[in-house]
């Protein structure tokens, strides 16, 4: 796509009665296009980072639940041992 736009830019700038105007217009178009792409790239990078953080938080909460279950089982086992001794 960029090659086609470069050909259009070249043909418009060579054969236009207002080459400076078209050159300025197309260069501002490319600058806007670049800024949009850059903005989208930065947003995608941030979204990827946020997704990684959410994934790690999910794993952390799952480990916390597992630890709570194991502690509950440990207390139940200790309680059974105490009740069987007396």
C-alpha atoms as a PDB file:
ATOM      1  CA  UNK A   1       0.000   0.000   0.000  1.00  0.00           C
ATOM      2  CA  UNK A   2       2.794   2.430   0.762  1.00  0.00           C
ATOM      3  CA  UNK A   3       4.337   1.943  -2.665  1.00  0.00           C
ATOM      4  CA  UNK A   4       1.026   2.791  -4.343  1.00  0.00           C
ATOM      5  CA  UNK A   5       0.664   5.917  -2.225  1.00  0.00           C
ATOM      6  CA  UNK A   6       4.199   6.941  -3.142  1.00  0.00           C
ATOM      7  CA  UNK A   7       3.377   6.545  -6.847  1.00  0.00           C
ATOM      8  CA  UNK A   8       0.226   8.619  -6.411  1.00  0.00           C
ATOM      9  CA  UNK A   9       2.204  11.229  -4.518  1.00  0.00           C
ATOM     10  CA  UNK A  10       4.829  11.386  -7.255  1.00  0.00           C
ATOM     11  CA  UNK A  11       2.328  11.554 -10.105  1.00  0.00           C
ATOM     12  CA  UNK A  12       0.220  14.201  -8.358  1.00  0.00           C
ATOM     13  CA  UNK A  13       3.228  16.324  -7.519  1.00  0.00           C
ATOM     14  CA  UNK A  14       4.636  16.141 -11.062  1.00  0.00           C
ATOM     15  CA  UNK A  15       1.476  16.725 -13.066  1.00  0.00           C
ATOM     16  CA  UNK A  16      -0.487  19.000 -10.794  1.00  0.00           C
ATOM     17  CA  UNK A  17      -0.836  22.706 -11.502  1.00  0.00           C
ATOM     18  CA  UNK A  18      -0.260  23.212  -7.773  1.00  0.00           C
ATOM     19  CA  UNK A  19       2.568  20.818  -6.885  1.00  0.00           C
ATOM     20  CA  UNK A  20       3.471  22.611  -3.669  1.00  0.00           C
ATOM     21  CA  UNK A  21      -0.107  22.437  -2.424  1.00  0.00           C
ATOM     22  CA  UNK A  22      -0.397  18.723  -3.184  1.00  0.00           C
ATOM     23  CA  UNK A  23       2.994  18.012  -1.682  1.00  0.00           C
ATOM     24  CA  UNK A  24       1.966  19.795   1.519  1.00  0.00           C
ATOM     25  CA  UNK A  25      -1.453  18.119   1.541  1.00  0.00           C
ATOM     26  CA  UNK A  26      -0.058  14.627   1.042  1.00  0.00           C
ATOM     27  CA  UNK A  27       2.786  15.115   3.493  1.00  0.00           C
ATOM     28  CA  UNK A  28       0.274  16.248   6.133  1.00  0.00           C
ATOM     29  CA  UNK A  29      -1.878  13.233   5.218  1.00  0.00           C
ATOM     30  CA  UNK A  30       1.085  10.899   5.740  1.00  0.00           C
ATOM     31  CA  UNK A  31       1.953  12.641   9.001  1.00  0.00           C
ATOM     32  CA  UNK A  32      -1.630  12.199  10.228  1.00  0.00           C
ATOM     33  CA  UNK A  33      -1.612   8.576   9.062  1.00  0.00           C
ATOM     34  CA  UNK A  34       1.677   7.974  10.904  1.00  0.00           C
ATOM     35  CA  UNK A  35       0.363   9.613  14.082  1.00  0.00           C
ATOM     36  CA  UNK A  36      -2.782   7.468  13.973  1.00  0.00           C
ATOM     37  CA  UNK A  37      -0.709   4.325  13.529  1.00  0.00           C
ATOM     38  CA  UNK A  38       1.602   5.370  16.341  1.00  0.00           C
ATOM     39  CA  UNK A  39      -1.367   6.061  18.638  1.00  0.00           C
ATOM     40  CA  UNK A  40      -2.911   2.675  17.844  1.00  0.00           C
ATOM     41  CA  UNK A  41       0.434   0.942  18.390  1.00  0.00           C
ATOM     42  CA  UNK A  42       0.828   2.562  21.815  1.00  0.00           C
ATOM     43  CA  UNK A  43      -2.756   1.673  22.783  1.00  0.00           C
ATOM     44  CA  UNK A  44      -2.248  -1.944  21.713  1.00  0.00           C
ATOM     45  CA  UNK A  45       0.972  -2.100  23.693  1.00  0.00           C
ATOM     46  CA  UNK A  46      -0.833  -0.769  26.771  1.00  0.00           C
ATOM     47  CA  UNK A  47      -3.723  -3.196  26.298  1.00  0.00           C
ATOM     48  CA  UNK A  48      -1.277  -6.083  26.036  1.00  0.00           C
ATOM     49  CA  UNK A  49       0.399  -4.955  29.260  1.00  0.00           C
ATOM     50  CA  UNK A  50      -2.981  -4.648  31.018  1.00  0.00           C
ATOM     51  CA  UNK A  51      -3.999  -8.114  29.792  1.00  0.00           C
ATOM     52  CA  UNK A  52      -0.771  -9.569  31.185  1.00  0.00           C
ATOM     53  CA  UNK A  53      -1.392  -7.865  34.538  1.00  0.00           C
ATOM     54  CA  UNK A  54      -4.977  -9.171  34.660  1.00  0.00           C
ATOM     55  CA  UNK A  55      -3.753 -12.661  33.821  1.00  0.00           C
ATOM     56  CA  UNK A  56      -1.187 -12.521  36.625  1.00  0.00           C
ATOM     57  CA  UNK A  57      -3.807 -11.210  39.059  1.00  0.00           C
ATOM     58  CA  UNK A  58      -6.114 -14.064  38.095  1.00  0.00           C
ATOM     59  CA  UNK A  59      -3.375 -16.602  38.745  1.00  0.00           C
ATOM     60  CA  UNK A  60      -2.549 -14.903  42.051  1.00  0.00           C
ATOM     61  CA  UNK A  61      -6.186 -15.080  43.193  1.00  0.00           C
ATOM     62  CA  UNK A  62      -6.404 -18.735  42.158  1.00  0.00           C
ATOM     63  CA  UNK A  63      -3.300 -19.496  44.234  1.00  0.00           C
ATOM     64  CA  UNK A  64      -4.778 -17.592  47.182  1.00  0.00           C
ATOM     65  CA  UNK A  65      -7.972 -19.675  46.981  1.00  0.00           C
ATOM     66  CA  UNK A  66      -5.929 -22.859  46.775  1.00  0.00           C
ATOM     67  CA  UNK A  67      -3.910 -21.812  49.826  1.00  0.00           C
ATOM     68  CA  UNK A  68      -7.095 -20.996  51.759  1.00  0.00           C
ATOM     69  CA  UNK A  69      -8.519 -24.434  50.877  1.00  0.00           C
ATOM     70  CA  UNK A  70      -5.323 -26.153  51.988  1.00  0.00           C
ATOM     71  CA  UNK A  71      -5.301 -24.199  55.265  1.00  0.00           C
ATOM     72  CA  UNK A  72      -8.930 -25.173  55.873  1.00  0.00           C
ATOM     73  CA  UNK A  73      -8.106 -28.838  55.253  1.00  0.00           C
ATOM     74  CA  UNK A  74      -5.095 -28.554  57.579  1.00  0.00           C
ATOM     75  CA  UNK A  75      -7.235 -27.090  60.384  1.00  0.00           C
ATOM     76  CA  UNK A  76      -9.859 -29.803  59.874  1.00  0.00           C
ATOM     77  CA  UNK A  77      -7.185 -32.514  60.031  1.00  0.00           C
ATOM     78  CA  UNK A  78      -5.671 -30.982  63.202  1.00  0.00           C
ATOM     79  CA  UNK A  79      -9.142 -30.753  64.743  1.00  0.00           C
ATOM     80  CA  UNK A  80      -9.840 -34.414  63.942  1.00  0.00           C
ATOM     81  CA  UNK A  81      -6.481 -35.417  65.437  1.00  0.00           C
ATOM     82  CA  UNK A  82      -7.239 -33.471  68.640  1.00  0.00           C
ATOM     83  CA  UNK A  83     -10.734 -34.908  68.940  1.00  0.00           C
ATOM     84  CA  UNK A  84      -9.521 -38.472  68.369  1.00  0.00           C
ATOM     85  CA  UNK A  85      -6.862 -38.140  71.088  1.00  0.00           C
ATOM     86  CA  UNK A  86      -9.311 -37.044  73.793  1.00  0.00           C
END
